Amino acid sequence: MGIVYRALQEDVGRIVAVKVLSPALASDPDFRERFRQEALIIARLSHPYIVNVIGIETWQDTICIVMEYLEGEPLQRLMERRGRMEESRAVSVIIKAAEALHYAHTRGIIHRDIKPDNIMLLDEETIKVMDFGIALLSGSSLKTQAGVRMGTPKFMSPEQARGKMVDARSDVYSLGLVLYYLVTGGYAFDAESDVEVALLQEEPPPAPTQIYPDISHALEAIIMKAIEKNPDDRYPSARAMAEALREYMASGAAGFERAMPPGEPTRIRRDGRFEIPSPQASDLKAASKRRLPVSRLLYFALAVAIVAIIVIPFRRIIRGGNRQTGQTSLTGRTSPPAPTPSPTPVRDAQYYYNRALSLEKTSGADVEEIRRNFEKAIDMNRNFYPALRDFGYFLFGRKDYNRAIFFLQKALSICPNANEEKTIQSRLAFIHELTKK
């Protein structure tokens, strides 16, 4: 609806963002009024996670919204650059966005276009919800025509897609799809046309754990509840969704580490059942006399062990040296050089596989480095099932569907588990739906 420019507000000497309604749309009274309503909507909101409006200005034949200038990156661009987000960070982002939406909802405002492009990440802790251009304001005379769909299909609730009335639960649905996207790296409903997206929305999307088995089942349950088709089955409010995510974090289900205050020593919990009582000196003396014969045996066994520890390695060193140099041993025989030990393929493959998984869970990790580690693991062991399976899931997340099919089919051919077979088959079927003409 508008174009955003970076500008200088000369009277106070600060950088601002100016959203300008294009002249072509400014001539349309409906678009002009809707643009003005966006400014009025944002102006009545004052929340740390919602972009602030400074004012409305007229310029030539159009109007402008002057807003605070944000130094950050939309979630969409971040995801395209880095891939799927680690669970802890994704949950933190969505909690803040949910609180911002709840604040707007309590003031009669439904956003109706929640998506990664409209959530700006300023730093590790701060987000801003933006673009209230198609927001629904309670009591406004400006309504969407019956049957007219407004929003982004991939993140749109079923009732909004059908042009029906929406409420706060519609934004909850969209926010659930954003969380799905952050933790899986892929859209829940992905197709080339809006019609195909609508058809996919007739059925629930693949569960996040079907795409990446390492995703927490507890988090998956929250996501799937938020994106229920029936609004009555979703969280009743954005605040309720935020609380569910906070409880999830507090439970430690995602492996959230609770840092101990700096300088505080680690406490060792004692259990009286396993404490060894401290004997008195007289008891020790008496016990020593009673156990004297056993002590002598122990001293003898200890001496034998020490001799074995010293002599056996020494003999091996001598023999090893003779093998490597080809010199004559103590017995007068010449030993051939020892062969150089070869690396164990499975161990090396496991190393690179583990490294790939570790990098994949690390925020900001290089996608190409993750790919190289998976490829090294598979090159060293062509039948390494976990690497084939997870590399296929990784490629799916990067939308490299052809290669994903190849590695998932290879994993399926050697899959040792019936349940995992179903998961892989489900993923292949979903890729087929996405790629068929």
Protein backbone atom coordinates (compact mmCIF):
# COMPACT_ATOMS: atom_id res chain seq x y z
CA MET A 1 0.00 0.00 0.00
CA GLY A 2 2.93 2.33 0.60
CA ILE A 3 6.67 2.75 0.15
CA VAL A 4 8.93 3.31 3.19
CA TYR A 5 11.83 5.78 3.04
CA ARG A 6 14.62 6.64 5.48
CA ALA A 7 14.50 10.39 6.10
CA LEU A 8 15.79 13.19 8.32
CA GLN A 9 13.32 15.15 10.44
CA GLU A 10 15.10 18.47 10.25
CA ASP A 11 13.30 20.32 13.06
CA VAL A 12 14.61 17.87 15.70
CA GLY A 13 17.54 16.40 13.76
CA ARG A 14 16.56 12.73 13.98
CA ILE A 15 16.31 9.89 11.51
CA VAL A 16 12.76 8.66 10.87
CA ALA A 17 10.95 6.24 8.59
CA VAL A 18 8.39 7.77 6.22
CA LYS A 19 5.72 5.54 4.71
CA VAL A 20 4.30 7.23 1.59
CA LEU A 21 1.05 6.18 -0.09
CA SER A 22 1.76 5.86 -3.80
CA PRO A 23 0.14 8.62 -5.90
CA ALA A 24 -1.78 6.04 -7.92
CA LEU A 25 -3.51 4.75 -4.77
CA ALA A 26 -3.83 8.20 -3.20
CA SER A 27 -6.38 9.13 -5.86
CA ASP A 28 -8.63 6.30 -4.63
CA PRO A 29 -10.68 7.57 -1.65
CA ASP A 30 -10.95 4.07 -0.13
CA PHE A 31 -7.17 3.47 -0.15
CA ARG A 32 -6.51 6.98 1.09
CA GLU A 33 -8.88 6.50 4.02
CA ARG A 34 -7.43 3.06 4.79
CA PHE A 35 -3.91 4.51 4.82
CA ARG A 36 -5.02 7.29 7.16
CA GLN A 37 -6.69 4.70 9.40
CA GLU A 38 -3.38 2.79 9.66
CA ALA A 39 -1.74 5.89 11.06
CA LEU A 40 -4.58 6.44 13.52
CA ILE A 41 -4.44 2.80 14.63
CA ILE A 42 -0.72 2.82 15.34
CA ALA A 43 -0.88 6.27 16.92
CA ARG A 44 -3.27 5.02 19.61
CA LEU A 45 -0.92 2.14 20.49
CA SER A 46 1.99 2.65 22.85
CA HIS A 47 3.83 -0.61 23.47
CA PRO A 48 7.56 -1.48 23.55
CA TYR A 49 7.04 -4.16 20.89
CA ILE A 50 4.93 -2.10 18.45
CA VAL A 51 6.40 0.48 16.08
CA ASN A 52 5.71 4.09 17.18
CA VAL A 53 4.01 6.68 14.95
CA ILE A 54 5.29 10.25 15.15
CA GLY A 55 2.68 11.92 12.94
CA ILE A 56 0.79 12.20 9.64
CA GLU A 57 1.91 14.61 6.91
CA THR A 58 0.59 15.59 3.49
CA TRP A 59 3.01 15.74 0.60
CA GLN A 60 2.04 16.82 -2.93
CA ASP A 61 -1.05 14.73 -3.80
CA THR A 62 -0.50 11.99 -1.24
CA ILE A 63 -0.13 11.45 2.50
CA CYS A 64 2.72 10.09 4.64
CA ILE A 65 3.03 8.32 7.96
CA VAL A 66 6.11 9.40 9.93
CA MET A 67 7.34 6.59 12.21
CA GLU A 68 10.33 5.78 14.37
CA TYR A 69 13.26 4.46 12.33
CA LEU A 70 14.16 0.88 13.25
CA GLU A 71 17.70 -0.50 12.97
CA GLY A 72 17.05 -4.19 12.53
CA GLU A 73 16.06 -7.01 10.22
CA PRO A 74 12.65 -8.54 9.45
CA LEU A 75 12.32 -12.16 10.54
CA GLN A 76 11.73 -13.18 6.92
CA ARG A 77 15.10 -11.85 5.79
CA LEU A 78 16.84 -13.39 8.80
CA MET A 79 15.31 -16.80 8.04
CA GLU A 80 16.32 -16.61 4.38
CA ARG A 81 19.86 -15.77 5.44
CA ARG A 82 20.35 -18.23 8.33
CA GLY A 83 17.71 -20.93 8.07
CA ARG A 84 15.68 -22.37 10.94
CA MET A 85 15.96 -20.69 14.32
CA GLU A 86 16.88 -22.40 17.58
CA GLU A 87 13.85 -23.13 19.74
CA SER A 88 14.75 -20.86 22.67
CA ARG A 89 15.17 -17.81 20.48
CA ALA A 90 12.07 -18.54 18.40
CA VAL A 91 9.92 -18.91 21.51
CA SER A 92 11.30 -15.67 22.96
CA VAL A 93 10.41 -13.77 19.76
CA ILE A 94 6.88 -15.17 19.61
CA ILE A 95 6.17 -14.43 23.28
CA LYS A 96 7.02 -10.77 22.70
CA ALA A 97 4.95 -10.62 19.51
CA ALA A 98 2.03 -12.27 21.34
CA GLU A 99 2.19 -9.67 24.11
CA ALA A 100 2.17 -6.88 21.51
CA LEU A 101 -0.86 -8.41 19.79
CA HIS A 102 -2.69 -8.90 23.08
CA TYR A 103 -2.16 -5.22 23.83
CA ALA A 104 -3.63 -4.29 20.43
CA HIS A 105 -6.53 -6.73 20.83
CA THR A 106 -7.54 -5.20 24.16
CA ARG A 107 -7.89 -1.89 22.32
CA GLY A 108 -10.14 -3.33 19.63
CA ILE A 109 -7.46 -3.78 16.95
CA ILE A 110 -6.93 -7.02 14.97
CA HIS A 111 -3.72 -6.98 12.91
CA ARG A 112 -4.83 -9.48 10.19
CA ASP A 113 -1.41 -9.65 8.51
CA ILE A 114 0.97 -11.25 11.01
CA LYS A 115 3.89 -12.79 9.13
CA PRO A 116 7.73 -12.85 9.37
CA ASP A 117 7.97 -9.75 7.14
CA ASN A 118 5.98 -7.75 9.68
CA ILE A 119 8.02 -8.64 12.76
CA MET A 120 11.28 -6.72 12.99
CA LEU A 121 14.12 -8.11 15.09
CA LEU A 122 16.18 -5.21 16.44
CA ASP A 123 18.57 -7.24 18.59
CA GLU A 124 18.61 -10.44 20.62
CA GLU A 125 15.98 -9.10 23.03
CA THR A 126 13.80 -6.59 21.15
CA ILE A 127 11.19 -7.02 18.42
CA LYS A 128 8.70 -4.66 16.81
CA VAL A 129 5.37 -5.62 15.23
CA MET A 130 4.82 -3.46 12.14
CA ASP A 131 2.45 -2.76 9.25
CA PHE A 132 -1.08 -2.30 10.53
CA GLY A 133 -2.16 -1.40 6.98
CA ILE A 134 -5.07 -3.87 6.86
CA ALA A 135 -5.76 -3.97 10.59
CA LEU A 136 -9.39 -4.14 11.67
CA LEU A 137 -10.42 -1.42 14.09
CA SER A 138 -13.48 -2.04 16.21
CA GLY A 139 -16.07 0.66 15.61
CA SER A 140 -14.46 1.86 12.37
CA SER A 141 -16.75 2.65 9.45
CA LEU A 142 -14.11 1.27 7.07
CA LYS A 143 -14.92 -2.42 6.65
CA THR A 144 -13.69 -5.13 4.35
CA GLN A 145 -16.27 -6.01 1.74
CA ALA A 146 -18.01 -9.37 2.21
CA GLY A 147 -16.07 -12.16 0.53
CA VAL A 148 -12.99 -10.00 0.00
CA ARG A 149 -9.80 -11.58 1.32
CA MET A 150 -7.01 -9.42 2.71
CA GLY A 151 -3.73 -10.68 4.11
CA THR A 152 -0.95 -13.12 3.20
CA PRO A 153 -2.30 -16.59 2.25
CA LYS A 154 0.58 -18.60 3.75
CA PHE A 155 -0.07 -17.07 7.18
CA MET A 156 -3.81 -16.43 6.94
CA SER A 157 -6.44 -18.09 9.13
CA PRO A 158 -9.14 -20.20 7.41
CA GLU A 159 -11.91 -17.79 8.42
CA GLN A 160 -9.94 -14.83 7.06
CA ALA A 161 -9.25 -16.70 3.82
CA ARG A 162 -13.00 -17.21 3.36
CA GLY A 163 -13.68 -13.50 3.90
CA LYS A 164 -15.52 -14.09 7.18
CA MET A 165 -15.38 -11.98 10.33
CA VAL A 166 -12.20 -12.39 12.35
CA ASP A 167 -11.21 -11.80 15.96
CA ALA A 168 -8.08 -12.07 18.12
CA ARG A 169 -7.91 -15.82 17.50
CA SER A 170 -7.20 -15.17 13.84
CA ASP A 171 -3.98 -13.38 14.81
CA VAL A 172 -3.20 -16.30 17.16
CA TYR A 173 -3.46 -18.67 14.18
CA SER A 174 -1.09 -16.53 12.10
CA LEU A 175 1.36 -16.27 14.98
CA GLY A 176 1.30 -20.07 15.34
CA LEU A 177 2.23 -20.40 11.66
CA VAL A 178 5.10 -17.94 12.17
CA LEU A 179 6.42 -20.07 15.06
CA TYR A 180 6.06 -23.18 12.87
CA TYR A 181 8.15 -21.43 10.21
CA LEU A 182 10.85 -20.32 12.65
CA VAL A 183 11.50 -23.77 14.17
CA THR A 184 11.17 -25.83 10.96
CA GLY A 185 12.58 -23.38 8.41
CA GLY A 186 9.64 -24.10 6.10
CA TYR A 187 6.09 -22.88 5.59
CA ALA A 188 3.28 -25.03 7.00
CA PHE A 189 1.37 -24.49 3.77
CA ASP A 190 3.68 -23.87 0.82
CA ALA A 191 2.59 -23.73 -2.81
CA GLU A 192 3.09 -21.53 -5.86
CA SER A 193 -0.46 -20.17 -6.07
CA ASP A 194 -2.94 -18.87 -3.52
CA VAL A 195 -5.44 -21.50 -4.65
CA GLU A 196 -2.99 -24.32 -3.94
CA VAL A 197 -2.24 -22.83 -0.51
CA ALA A 198 -5.96 -22.75 0.23
CA LEU A 199 -6.29 -26.41 -0.78
CA LEU A 200 -3.40 -27.39 1.49
CA GLN A 201 -5.11 -25.59 4.36
CA GLU A 202 -8.02 -28.02 4.20
CA GLU A 203 -5.87 -30.48 6.15
CA PRO A 204 -3.51 -29.97 9.10
CA PRO A 205 0.12 -29.40 8.10
CA PRO A 206 2.82 -32.02 8.81
CA ALA A 207 3.72 -32.02 12.50
CA PRO A 208 7.01 -30.16 13.13
CA THR A 209 8.60 -33.35 14.53
CA GLN A 210 7.95 -35.06 11.20
CA ILE A 211 10.18 -32.46 9.57
CA TYR A 212 12.81 -32.27 12.33
CA PRO A 213 12.58 -35.03 14.98
CA ASP A 214 14.71 -32.97 17.36
CA ILE A 215 11.91 -30.42 17.88
CA SER A 216 10.32 -30.67 21.31
CA HIS A 217 6.95 -32.45 21.41
CA ALA A 218 5.78 -29.95 24.02
CA LEU A 219 6.50 -27.06 21.67
CA GLU A 220 4.86 -28.94 18.82
CA ALA A 221 1.67 -29.27 20.91
CA ILE A 222 1.57 -25.49 21.44
CA ILE A 223 2.03 -24.82 17.73
CA MET A 224 -0.64 -27.31 16.66
CA LYS A 225 -3.14 -25.88 19.16
CA ALA A 226 -2.54 -22.35 17.89
CA ILE A 227 -3.24 -23.41 14.28
CA GLU A 228 -6.39 -25.43 14.86
CA LYS A 229 -8.90 -24.92 12.03
CA ASN A 230 -11.74 -24.19 14.42
CA PRO A 231 -11.12 -20.89 16.28
CA ASP A 232 -12.79 -22.37 19.38
CA ASP A 233 -10.02 -25.00 19.58
CA ARG A 234 -7.20 -22.44 19.56
CA TYR A 235 -5.85 -20.38 22.43
CA PRO A 236 -8.56 -17.89 23.35
CA SER A 237 -6.12 -14.98 23.27
CA ALA A 238 -2.57 -14.05 22.35
CA ARG A 239 -1.84 -13.66 26.06
CA ALA A 240 -2.93 -17.30 26.67
CA MET A 241 -0.53 -18.46 23.95
CA ALA A 242 2.28 -16.40 25.48
CA GLU A 243 1.61 -17.96 28.89
CA ALA A 244 1.71 -21.46 27.41
CA LEU A 245 5.10 -20.68 25.85
CA ARG A 246 6.40 -19.28 29.14
CA GLU A 247 5.36 -22.45 30.96
CA TYR A 248 7.10 -24.48 28.27
CA MET A 249 10.31 -22.51 28.80
CA ALA A 250 10.08 -22.82 32.58
CA SER A 251 9.60 -26.59 32.35
CA GLY A 252 12.97 -26.98 30.63
CA ALA A 253 11.37 -29.07 27.87
CA ALA A 254 13.53 -27.41 25.25
CA GLY A 255 16.72 -27.81 27.24
CA PHE A 256 16.80 -24.19 28.36
CA GLU A 257 19.82 -23.76 30.59
CA ARG A 258 19.25 -21.92 33.84
CA ALA A 259 22.39 -19.94 34.46
CA MET A 260 23.68 -19.76 38.03
CA PRO A 261 24.48 -16.26 39.32
CA PRO A 262 28.10 -15.25 38.60
CA GLY A 263 30.54 -16.31 41.26
CA GLU A 264 28.16 -18.68 43.01
CA PRO A 265 29.82 -22.06 43.58
CA THR A 266 28.23 -25.29 42.44
CA ARG A 267 26.29 -26.83 45.30
CA ILE A 268 26.57 -30.57 45.92
CA ARG A 269 23.44 -32.03 47.39
CA ARG A 270 24.14 -34.45 50.22
CA ASP A 271 22.03 -37.49 51.04
CA GLY A 272 22.43 -39.05 54.48
CA ARG A 273 21.71 -42.50 53.08
CA PHE A 274 25.03 -42.46 51.25
CA GLU A 275 27.19 -40.76 53.91
CA ILE A 276 30.07 -42.79 55.33
CA PRO A 277 30.18 -42.39 59.13
CA SER A 278 33.42 -40.96 60.52
CA PRO A 279 35.04 -43.59 62.80
CA GLN A 280 36.80 -42.69 66.03
CA ALA A 281 40.57 -43.10 66.32
CA SER A 282 40.20 -46.04 68.71
CA ASP A 283 37.87 -47.77 66.29
CA LEU A 284 40.37 -47.30 63.45
CA LYS A 285 43.19 -48.83 65.56
CA ALA A 286 41.09 -51.84 66.49
CA ALA A 287 39.90 -52.31 62.95
CA SER A 288 43.48 -52.13 61.69
CA LYS A 289 44.51 -54.95 64.03
CA ARG A 290 41.56 -57.11 62.97
CA ARG A 291 42.22 -56.59 59.26
CA LEU A 292 45.99 -56.99 59.36
CA PRO A 293 46.12 -60.30 57.44
CA VAL A 294 43.86 -58.90 54.72
CA SER A 295 45.98 -55.76 54.51
CA ARG A 296 49.08 -57.84 53.80
CA LEU A 297 47.29 -59.56 50.94
CA LEU A 298 46.22 -56.19 49.59
CA TYR A 299 49.79 -54.86 49.77
CA PHE A 300 51.02 -57.91 47.89
CA ALA A 301 48.35 -57.53 45.17
CA LEU A 302 49.16 -53.85 44.87
CA ALA A 303 52.87 -54.58 44.41
CA VAL A 304 52.11 -57.13 41.65
CA ALA A 305 49.86 -54.61 39.90
CA ILE A 306 52.57 -51.92 40.01
CA VAL A 307 55.11 -54.29 38.51
CA ALA A 308 52.66 -55.23 35.74
CA ILE A 309 51.94 -51.58 34.99
CA ILE A 310 55.65 -50.80 34.63
CA VAL A 311 56.89 -53.93 32.84
CA ILE A 312 54.13 -54.53 30.27
CA PRO A 313 54.19 -51.06 28.64
CA PHE A 314 57.99 -51.17 28.66
CA ARG A 315 57.98 -54.44 26.72
CA ARG A 316 55.45 -52.99 24.27
CA ILE A 317 57.61 -49.91 23.72
CA ILE A 318 60.62 -52.11 22.94
CA ARG A 319 58.63 -54.29 20.56
CA GLY A 320 56.97 -51.28 18.97
CA GLY A 321 60.33 -49.64 18.40
CA ASN A 322 61.66 -52.79 16.81
CA ARG A 323 58.67 -53.01 14.48
CA GLN A 324 58.98 -49.41 13.36
CA THR A 325 62.73 -49.43 12.81
CA GLY A 326 63.08 -53.03 11.66
CA GLN A 327 65.87 -53.56 14.21
CA THR A 328 66.68 -56.88 15.84
CA SER A 329 64.61 -57.61 18.95
CA LEU A 330 65.89 -59.02 22.22
CA THR A 331 65.33 -62.52 20.87
CA GLY A 332 67.50 -61.83 17.79
CA ARG A 333 64.60 -61.83 15.29
CA THR A 334 63.81 -58.93 12.96
CA SER A 335 60.23 -57.68 13.16
CA PRO A 336 58.54 -56.16 10.07
CA PRO A 337 57.38 -52.52 10.23
CA ALA A 338 53.94 -52.13 11.75
CA PRO A 339 51.19 -51.01 9.36
CA THR A 340 49.79 -47.49 9.87
CA PRO A 341 46.39 -47.78 11.54
CA SER A 342 43.52 -46.65 9.29
CA PRO A 343 40.72 -44.41 10.57
CA THR A 344 37.45 -46.04 11.49
CA PRO A 345 34.90 -44.91 8.87
CA VAL A 346 31.88 -45.14 11.18
CA ARG A 347 33.59 -43.10 13.90
CA ASP A 348 34.64 -40.41 11.45
CA ALA A 349 31.18 -40.31 9.89
CA GLN A 350 29.66 -40.04 13.35
CA TYR A 351 31.96 -37.13 14.17
CA TYR A 352 30.92 -35.10 11.12
CA TYR A 353 27.26 -36.03 11.62
CA ASN A 354 27.34 -34.86 15.24
CA ARG A 355 29.08 -31.67 14.17
CA ALA A 356 26.39 -30.98 11.55
CA LEU A 357 23.62 -31.45 14.13
CA SER A 358 25.41 -29.19 16.61
CA LEU A 359 25.86 -26.43 14.03
CA GLU A 360 22.26 -26.77 12.91
CA LYS A 361 21.07 -25.93 16.42
CA THR A 362 23.47 -22.98 16.72
CA SER A 363 22.05 -19.57 15.97
CA GLY A 364 23.89 -17.89 13.10
CA ALA A 365 25.73 -21.03 11.97
CA ASP A 366 26.95 -21.11 8.37
CA VAL A 367 24.44 -23.11 6.30
CA GLU A 368 27.15 -24.23 3.88
CA GLU A 369 29.29 -25.55 6.74
CA ILE A 370 26.34 -27.60 7.98
CA ARG A 371 25.88 -28.97 4.47
CA ARG A 372 29.57 -29.86 4.15
CA ASN A 373 29.59 -31.77 7.43
CA PHE A 374 26.55 -33.82 6.41
CA GLU A 375 28.18 -34.58 3.05
CA LYS A 376 31.46 -35.63 4.68
CA ALA A 377 29.62 -38.01 7.01
CA ILE A 378 27.77 -39.60 4.09
CA ASP A 379 30.90 -39.78 1.91
CA MET A 380 32.64 -41.77 4.65
CA ASN A 381 29.71 -44.10 5.20
CA ARG A 382 27.21 -44.33 2.35
CA ASN A 383 24.78 -46.34 4.48
CA PHE A 384 24.87 -44.10 7.54
CA TYR A 385 21.09 -43.91 8.07
CA PRO A 386 20.85 -41.02 10.60
CA ALA A 387 22.99 -38.77 8.38
CA LEU A 388 20.97 -39.63 5.25
CA ARG A 389 17.70 -38.99 7.05
CA ASP A 390 18.67 -35.71 8.74
CA PHE A 391 20.46 -34.38 5.67
CA GLY A 392 17.24 -34.98 3.74
CA TYR A 393 15.29 -33.02 6.36
CA PHE A 394 17.93 -30.27 6.26
CA LEU A 395 17.68 -29.98 2.47
CA PHE A 396 13.90 -29.87 2.73
CA GLY A 397 14.19 -26.94 5.11
CA ARG A 398 16.39 -25.17 2.55
CA LYS A 399 13.79 -25.96 -0.20
CA ASP A 400 16.33 -28.09 -2.09
CA TYR A 401 13.55 -30.56 -2.84
CA ASN A 402 15.24 -32.68 -5.51
CA ARG A 403 18.24 -33.52 -3.34
CA ALA A 404 15.99 -33.92 -0.30
CA ILE A 405 14.03 -36.59 -2.18
CA PHE A 406 17.23 -38.42 -3.13
CA PHE A 407 18.60 -38.64 0.42
CA LEU A 408 15.24 -39.37 2.05
CA GLN A 409 14.58 -42.21 -0.41
CA LYS A 410 18.03 -43.61 0.33
CA ALA A 411 17.32 -43.37 4.08
CA LEU A 412 13.93 -45.01 3.58
CA SER A 413 15.53 -47.99 1.82
CA ILE A 414 17.61 -48.81 4.94
CA CYS A 415 15.30 -47.43 7.64
CA PRO A 416 15.39 -49.74 10.70
CA ASN A 417 12.23 -48.44 12.34
CA ALA A 418 8.60 -48.70 11.17
CA ASN A 419 7.57 -45.41 12.80
CA GLU A 420 10.40 -43.53 11.16
CA GLU A 421 9.48 -45.12 7.83
CA LYS A 422 6.04 -43.52 8.11
CA THR A 423 7.59 -40.16 8.99
CA ILE A 424 9.92 -40.25 5.97
CA GLN A 425 7.12 -41.40 3.67
CA SER A 426 4.95 -38.55 4.94
CA ARG A 427 7.73 -36.06 4.23
CA LEU A 428 8.26 -37.44 0.71
CA ALA A 429 4.53 -37.24 0.01
CA PHE A 430 4.49 -33.64 1.20
CA ILE A 431 7.43 -32.76 -1.06
CA HIS A 432 5.56 -34.39 -3.95
CA GLU A 433 2.55 -32.18 -3.25
CA LEU A 434 4.77 -29.11 -3.22
CA THR A 435 6.62 -29.92 -6.44
CA LYS A 436 3.91 -31.42 -8.65
CA LYS A 437 2.76 -29.30 -11.54
